């Protein structure tokens, strides 16, 4: 009797493991998103001119101290570069 119970339990476990794979192969319930929903909402933008921080690294002093400091956006050199980009 114990052997029959053990065999039945093993068969039940195997069937429970195989059932989702069989259902998926037959086109059952799927949580896959439609093709249109797989695209990201993010965009990659490539600038024609370097950004202010990159431009400032080229040797122009815009009152940023140290490599991790942010450039002073109100400095005359920064304002001139922004005006040049807007022109």
Protein backbone atom coordinates (compact mmCIF):
# COMPACT_ATOMS: atom_id res chain seq x y z
CA UNK A 1 0.00 0.00 0.00
CA UNK A 2 2.79 2.45 0.86
CA UNK A 3 4.49 1.72 -2.45
CA UNK A 4 1.32 2.54 -4.39
CA UNK A 5 0.95 5.81 -2.46
CA UNK A 6 4.56 6.76 -3.18
CA UNK A 7 4.16 6.03 -6.90
CA UNK A 8 0.90 7.99 -7.03
CA UNK A 9 2.54 10.97 -5.25
CA UNK A 10 5.50 10.97 -7.63
CA UNK A 11 3.23 10.81 -10.68
CA UNK A 12 1.09 13.64 -9.34
CA UNK A 13 4.17 15.82 -8.77
CA UNK A 14 5.52 15.09 -12.25
CA UNK A 15 2.18 15.92 -13.85
CA UNK A 16 1.95 19.18 -11.90
CA UNK A 17 5.40 20.15 -13.17
CA UNK A 18 4.62 19.24 -16.79
CA UNK A 19 1.14 20.77 -16.99
CA UNK A 20 2.27 24.43 -17.35
CA UNK A 21 4.77 23.51 -20.09
CA UNK A 22 2.11 21.61 -22.02
CA UNK A 23 -0.44 24.42 -21.63
CA UNK A 24 2.10 26.98 -22.88
CA UNK A 25 3.01 24.85 -25.89
CA UNK A 26 -0.64 24.61 -26.88
CA UNK A 27 -1.18 28.36 -26.87
CA UNK A 28 -2.69 28.50 -23.42
CA UNK A 29 -2.59 31.49 -21.12
CA UNK A 30 0.44 33.64 -21.73
CA UNK A 31 1.67 36.71 -19.92
CA UNK A 32 3.68 37.92 -22.93
CA UNK A 33 3.03 41.52 -23.88
CA UNK A 34 2.00 42.56 -27.38
CA UNK A 35 4.80 43.70 -29.67
CA UNK A 36 3.87 47.39 -29.34
CA UNK A 37 4.21 47.30 -25.54
CA UNK A 38 7.78 46.00 -25.65
CA UNK A 39 9.24 49.27 -26.89
CA UNK A 40 10.76 51.63 -24.37
CA UNK A 41 9.43 55.12 -23.75
CA UNK A 42 12.99 56.41 -23.59
CA UNK A 43 14.72 58.17 -26.46
CA UNK A 44 18.38 58.56 -27.33
CA UNK A 45 19.27 62.13 -28.26
CA UNK A 46 22.51 62.96 -30.04
CA UNK A 47 23.51 66.59 -29.81
CA UNK A 48 25.16 68.38 -32.72
CA UNK A 49 27.27 70.48 -30.35
CA UNK A 50 28.88 69.32 -27.13
CA UNK A 51 26.99 69.87 -23.89
CA UNK A 52 28.10 72.73 -21.64
CA UNK A 53 29.91 70.43 -19.20
CA UNK A 54 31.82 68.71 -22.03
CA UNK A 55 32.62 72.04 -23.66
CA UNK A 56 33.92 73.34 -20.33
CA UNK A 57 36.29 70.39 -20.04
CA UNK A 58 37.98 71.62 -23.21
CA UNK A 59 39.82 74.26 -21.20
CA UNK A 60 37.25 77.04 -20.87
CA UNK A 61 36.94 78.26 -17.30
CA UNK A 62 33.36 78.55 -16.12
CA UNK A 63 34.05 78.62 -12.36
CA UNK A 64 33.80 74.92 -11.63
CA UNK A 65 36.25 73.75 -9.02
CA UNK A 66 37.41 70.13 -9.12
CA UNK A 67 36.54 67.31 -11.49
CA UNK A 68 33.21 66.49 -9.79
CA UNK A 69 32.02 70.09 -9.41
CA UNK A 70 29.17 71.39 -11.50
CA UNK A 71 29.85 74.27 -13.88
CA UNK A 72 28.51 77.70 -12.95
CA UNK A 73 25.71 78.20 -15.43
CA UNK A 74 25.52 81.92 -14.69
CA UNK A 75 29.17 82.61 -15.57
CA UNK A 76 29.79 84.86 -18.60
CA UNK A 77 31.55 82.06 -20.52
CA UNK A 78 28.65 79.66 -19.94
CA UNK A 79 26.08 82.27 -20.93
CA UNK A 80 28.05 83.04 -24.09
CA UNK A 81 28.17 79.36 -25.04
CA UNK A 82 24.43 78.93 -24.44
CA UNK A 83 23.73 82.02 -26.57
CA UNK A 84 25.94 80.57 -29.31
CA UNK A 85 23.96 77.31 -29.24
CA UNK A 86 20.64 79.17 -29.41
CA UNK A 87 21.73 81.24 -32.40
